[in-house]
């Protein structure tokens, strides 16, 4: 019998509205493609088919990300299902990111009138970190933070850069362990062509006894990109060309968007 309430450790579902409920129907679960983690199986092909099937399961008022998280465990079988059952929540933190409601805040990318299309081509990556890139791209695909496209007039390249914290440790060409962080896109030229957002910041902290800050790593990839602007943050890597649906690292107006978002959330608490 089909276990329709199966929930792996690593997936924590976003809270629905009190009046809402959603469970996958067993008849729809049978339509999901299966991935067994066998030799010769293409995980990227599996994810593409998975996204297509999930798009047909849309329910009014239910985020597509929620449906994908519900359906993903049922698309795995064999060794792949065993891996997911044993994976701890701390290992897949992206699954926890349900995203900030687009009605509260979305990130816009408005280009200057004289801006021209910017197409950057992917550079060769160190073979020792290709597997790191593949795992990162796969994680983003699974949770719907990126999706594949065939081409775009605006394409940024991807780089892998050293970081001091929240990193993946891998060996470099000298067989030494080096901490690395995926910088999914290099947006210097895009930022130059972007109209700057001058939303006011809280600069004056001198003399204050308390202040707070956002955790930058987990703050990103939660604010949705406006649908009409998503094609502007296309990036390429050795495994394909992808578009972000949520705000990544590197965009020049990201701090303004964060401030606008937080102001919208706590507006009733702000004093004149």
Protein backbone atom coordinates (compact mmCIF):
# COMPACT_ATOMS: atom_id res chain seq x y z
CA UNK A 1 0.00 0.00 0.00
CA UNK A 2 1.09 3.55 -0.69
CA UNK A 3 2.21 5.55 2.34
CA UNK A 4 0.71 8.94 1.50
CA UNK A 5 1.75 10.50 4.82
CA UNK A 6 5.45 9.61 4.49
CA UNK A 7 7.54 12.58 5.64
CA UNK A 8 11.37 12.36 5.64
CA UNK A 9 13.41 14.02 8.37
CA UNK A 10 14.96 16.62 6.11
CA UNK A 11 11.74 18.21 4.81
CA UNK A 12 9.90 20.69 7.01
CA UNK A 13 6.74 21.96 5.36
CA UNK A 14 5.72 25.65 5.51
CA UNK A 15 2.63 26.41 7.56
CA UNK A 16 -0.62 26.79 5.61
CA UNK A 17 -3.40 29.19 6.48
CA UNK A 18 -5.68 27.89 9.28
CA UNK A 19 -8.52 27.23 6.85
CA UNK A 20 -6.30 25.39 4.36
CA UNK A 21 -5.26 21.77 4.12
CA UNK A 22 -3.52 19.84 1.37
CA UNK A 23 -2.65 16.19 0.89
CA UNK A 24 -1.45 14.54 -2.30
CA UNK A 25 -3.98 12.14 -3.77
CA UNK A 26 -2.68 8.62 -4.31
CA UNK A 27 -3.81 8.72 -7.93
CA UNK A 28 -1.59 11.75 -8.58
CA UNK A 29 1.39 10.27 -6.73
CA UNK A 30 1.52 7.42 -9.24
CA UNK A 31 2.13 10.00 -11.99
CA UNK A 32 5.40 11.20 -10.43
CA UNK A 33 8.59 10.06 -12.20
CA UNK A 34 10.83 7.72 -10.21
CA UNK A 35 14.54 8.12 -9.47
CA UNK A 36 16.42 5.10 -8.06
CA UNK A 37 20.00 6.47 -7.96
CA UNK A 38 21.14 3.75 -10.35
CA UNK A 39 24.17 4.01 -12.62
CA UNK A 40 23.23 5.80 -15.83
CA UNK A 41 20.21 7.63 -14.37
CA UNK A 42 20.19 11.37 -15.04
CA UNK A 43 19.05 13.33 -11.94
CA UNK A 44 18.59 16.52 -13.98
CA UNK A 45 16.21 14.77 -16.37
CA UNK A 46 14.31 13.40 -13.38
CA UNK A 47 13.95 16.86 -11.84
CA UNK A 48 12.72 18.38 -15.10
CA UNK A 49 10.04 15.69 -15.38
CA UNK A 50 9.20 16.11 -11.69
CA UNK A 51 8.63 19.88 -12.07
CA UNK A 52 6.40 19.31 -15.12
CA UNK A 53 4.20 16.79 -13.29
CA UNK A 54 3.97 18.97 -10.16
CA UNK A 55 2.84 21.93 -12.27
CA UNK A 56 -0.29 19.90 -13.17
CA UNK A 57 -1.12 19.34 -9.50
CA UNK A 58 -1.75 22.98 -8.64
CA UNK A 59 -4.47 23.67 -6.10
CA UNK A 60 -6.06 27.07 -5.53
CA UNK A 61 -4.33 28.97 -2.76
CA UNK A 62 -1.53 26.39 -2.32
CA UNK A 63 2.03 27.40 -3.24
CA UNK A 64 3.63 25.22 -5.90
CA UNK A 65 6.73 24.92 -3.67
CA UNK A 66 4.54 23.25 -1.03
CA UNK A 67 3.23 20.74 -3.58
CA UNK A 68 6.77 19.97 -4.74
CA UNK A 69 7.98 19.34 -1.19
CA UNK A 70 5.01 17.04 -0.58
CA UNK A 71 5.60 15.15 -3.81
CA UNK A 72 9.40 14.91 -3.87
CA UNK A 73 9.74 11.96 -1.43
CA UNK A 74 7.37 9.91 -3.58
CA UNK A 75 9.53 10.50 -6.67
CA UNK A 76 12.41 8.58 -5.07
CA UNK A 77 12.78 4.82 -4.81
CA UNK A 78 15.42 2.29 -3.85
CA UNK A 79 18.75 3.75 -2.73
CA UNK A 80 17.55 7.32 -3.36
CA UNK A 81 14.59 6.87 -1.00
CA UNK A 82 16.82 5.28 1.66
CA UNK A 83 19.16 8.30 1.44
CA UNK A 84 16.29 10.75 1.94
CA UNK A 85 14.89 8.82 4.90
CA UNK A 86 18.25 8.95 6.67
CA UNK A 87 19.08 12.56 5.83
CA UNK A 88 18.85 14.90 8.82
CA UNK A 89 17.09 18.24 8.56
CA UNK A 90 20.30 20.19 9.10
CA UNK A 91 21.69 18.71 5.90
CA UNK A 92 19.11 20.30 3.58
CA UNK A 93 18.33 23.70 5.02
CA UNK A 94 16.99 24.95 1.67
CA UNK A 95 13.94 22.74 2.20
CA UNK A 96 13.03 24.93 5.16
CA UNK A 97 12.79 28.08 3.05
CA UNK A 98 9.13 28.48 2.18
CA UNK A 99 9.80 32.03 1.02
CA UNK A 100 8.33 35.38 2.03
CA UNK A 101 4.80 35.96 0.79
CA UNK A 102 5.05 37.87 -2.54
CA UNK A 103 2.18 40.13 -1.44
CA UNK A 104 4.51 41.52 1.26
CA UNK A 105 7.58 42.04 -0.88
CA UNK A 106 9.12 41.05 -4.21
CA UNK A 107 12.48 41.99 -5.68
CA UNK A 108 12.40 44.06 -8.88
CA UNK A 109 15.25 44.55 -11.35
CA UNK A 110 14.68 47.74 -13.36
CA UNK A 111 17.30 48.38 -16.02
CA UNK A 112 18.47 51.80 -17.16
CA UNK A 113 16.94 52.93 -20.47
CA UNK A 114 20.26 52.73 -22.34
CA UNK A 115 21.12 49.28 -20.94
CA UNK A 116 21.98 46.58 -23.48
CA UNK A 117 21.58 42.80 -23.14
CA UNK A 118 24.46 41.26 -21.16
CA UNK A 119 25.53 37.73 -22.05
CA UNK A 120 28.48 36.21 -20.20
CA UNK A 121 29.80 32.77 -21.05
CA UNK A 122 30.72 30.16 -18.48
CA UNK A 123 34.41 29.78 -17.72
CA UNK A 124 36.08 26.46 -17.09
CA UNK A 125 35.82 25.30 -13.49
CA UNK A 126 38.40 23.38 -11.50
CA UNK A 127 37.54 19.67 -11.97
CA UNK A 128 37.93 19.13 -8.22
CA UNK A 129 34.86 21.27 -7.46
CA UNK A 130 32.55 20.20 -10.29
CA UNK A 131 30.79 17.76 -7.97
CA UNK A 132 30.24 20.55 -5.43
CA UNK A 133 28.59 22.69 -8.11
CA UNK A 134 26.42 19.78 -9.26
CA UNK A 135 25.15 19.13 -5.72
CA UNK A 136 24.37 22.81 -5.13
CA UNK A 137 22.49 23.19 -8.43
CA UNK A 138 20.56 19.99 -7.74
CA UNK A 139 19.47 21.24 -4.29
CA UNK A 140 18.24 24.53 -5.76
CA UNK A 141 16.35 22.68 -8.51
CA UNK A 142 14.63 20.34 -6.05
CA UNK A 143 13.11 23.17 -4.01
CA UNK A 144 12.20 25.29 -7.04
CA UNK A 145 14.56 28.20 -6.29
CA UNK A 146 15.91 27.84 -9.83
CA UNK A 147 14.54 26.28 -13.00
CA UNK A 148 16.25 25.36 -16.29
CA UNK A 149 15.80 27.30 -19.54
CA UNK A 150 17.28 26.89 -23.00
CA UNK A 151 18.61 30.43 -23.51
CA UNK A 152 18.33 34.09 -22.52
CA UNK A 153 19.62 37.47 -23.68
CA UNK A 154 20.80 38.19 -20.12
CA UNK A 155 23.19 35.52 -18.84
CA UNK A 156 25.66 35.80 -15.95
CA UNK A 157 28.38 33.29 -15.22
CA UNK A 158 28.80 31.27 -12.04
CA UNK A 159 31.88 31.23 -9.83
CA UNK A 160 33.00 29.21 -6.82
CA UNK A 161 34.77 31.35 -4.24
CA UNK A 162 36.55 30.69 -0.90
CA UNK A 163 34.52 31.50 2.21
CA UNK A 164 35.25 31.38 5.94
CA UNK A 165 31.89 30.07 7.15
CA UNK A 166 28.92 27.94 6.04
CA UNK A 167 31.04 26.23 3.44
CA UNK A 168 31.62 22.99 1.62
CA UNK A 169 35.10 21.58 2.17
CA UNK A 170 36.78 20.13 -0.91
CA UNK A 171 40.28 19.32 -2.11
CA UNK A 172 42.12 21.73 -4.40
CA UNK A 173 44.67 20.91 -7.10
CA UNK A 174 47.34 20.50 -4.41
CA UNK A 175 45.25 17.88 -2.58
CA UNK A 176 44.62 20.26 0.33
CA UNK A 177 41.21 20.74 1.95
CA UNK A 178 39.80 24.19 1.14
CA UNK A 179 36.44 25.67 2.29
CA UNK A 180 34.34 26.80 -0.69
CA UNK A 181 31.03 28.58 -1.20
CA UNK A 182 28.99 28.61 -4.41
CA UNK A 183 28.60 32.16 -5.74
CA UNK A 184 25.81 31.26 -8.11
CA UNK A 185 26.17 34.28 -10.32
CA UNK A 186 28.58 37.12 -10.98
CA UNK A 187 26.33 40.16 -11.43
CA UNK A 188 28.84 43.01 -11.80
CA UNK A 189 27.76 43.99 -15.33
CA UNK A 190 24.08 43.49 -14.54
CA UNK A 191 24.40 45.71 -11.46
CA UNK A 192 26.01 48.45 -13.55
CA UNK A 193 22.95 48.45 -15.82
CA UNK A 194 20.42 48.30 -12.97
CA UNK A 195 18.54 51.39 -11.79
CA UNK A 196 19.52 51.85 -8.13
CA UNK A 197 16.87 51.66 -5.41
CA UNK A 198 17.37 54.39 -2.78
CA UNK A 199 15.02 53.02 -0.13
CA UNK A 200 16.04 54.62 3.22
CA UNK A 201 18.29 52.61 5.56
CA UNK A 202 18.73 52.72 9.32
CA UNK A 203 22.30 54.04 9.25
CA UNK A 204 22.43 55.87 12.60
CA UNK A 205 23.29 53.30 15.28
CA UNK A 206 25.77 55.42 17.30
CA UNK A 207 24.87 55.52 20.98
CA UNK A 208 22.25 52.78 20.70
CA UNK A 209 22.38 49.98 23.26
CA UNK A 210 20.84 47.31 21.03
CA UNK A 211 20.70 46.49 17.36
CA UNK A 212 19.88 43.44 15.30
CA UNK A 213 20.87 42.12 11.90
CA UNK A 214 19.67 39.52 9.42
CA UNK A 215 21.56 36.28 8.94
CA UNK A 216 22.71 37.01 5.40
CA UNK A 217 23.15 33.39 4.35
CA UNK A 218 19.62 32.29 5.22
CA UNK A 219 18.10 35.68 4.43
CA UNK A 220 18.78 35.22 0.74
CA UNK A 221 16.72 32.89 -1.45
CA UNK A 222 13.56 33.72 0.51
CA UNK A 223 12.33 36.87 -1.24
CA UNK A 224 10.67 36.12 -4.56
CA UNK A 225 11.84 37.73 -7.79
CA UNK A 226 9.06 39.46 -9.73
CA UNK A 227 8.07 37.08 -12.57
CA UNK A 228 8.72 39.73 -15.24
CA UNK A 229 12.31 40.15 -13.98
CA UNK A 230 13.36 36.54 -13.44
CA UNK A 231 14.95 36.19 -16.88
CA UNK A 232 17.39 38.99 -15.97
CA UNK A 233 19.18 36.80 -13.43
CA UNK A 234 19.84 33.84 -15.65
CA UNK A 235 23.13 32.09 -14.91
CA UNK A 236 25.10 29.39 -16.67
CA UNK A 237 27.20 26.54 -15.32
CA UNK A 238 28.65 23.32 -16.77
CA UNK A 239 25.33 21.59 -16.07
CA UNK A 240 23.03 23.99 -17.89
CA UNK A 241 21.42 27.43 -17.92
CA UNK A 242 19.09 28.34 -15.06
CA UNK A 243 16.85 31.17 -13.81
CA UNK A 244 16.34 32.19 -10.18
CA UNK A 245 12.83 32.53 -8.78
CA UNK A 246 14.15 34.01 -5.52
CA UNK A 247 16.72 36.67 -4.74
CA UNK A 248 20.30 35.29 -4.78
CA UNK A 249 23.60 36.75 -3.61
CA UNK A 250 25.19 39.55 -5.60
CA UNK A 251 22.35 41.86 -6.68
CA UNK A 252 23.01 45.55 -6.02
CA UNK A 253 19.52 46.38 -4.73
CA UNK A 254 19.23 43.38 -2.40
CA UNK A 255 19.84 45.44 0.80
CA UNK A 256 17.10 47.89 -0.21
CA UNK A 257 14.71 45.02 -0.85
CA UNK A 258 15.50 43.52 2.55
CA UNK A 259 14.90 46.86 4.27
CA UNK A 260 11.64 47.37 2.37
CA UNK A 261 10.53 43.86 3.32
CA UNK A 262 11.33 44.27 7.02
CA UNK A 263 9.69 47.70 7.10
CA UNK A 264 6.52 46.22 5.60
CA UNK A 265 6.46 43.43 8.20
CA UNK A 266 7.04 45.62 11.28
CA UNK A 267 5.40 48.81 10.03
CA UNK A 268 2.88 48.89 12.87
CA UNK A 269 5.74 48.74 15.40
CA UNK A 270 7.70 51.68 13.98
CA UNK A 271 7.49 55.03 15.72
CA UNK A 272 7.37 58.35 13.91
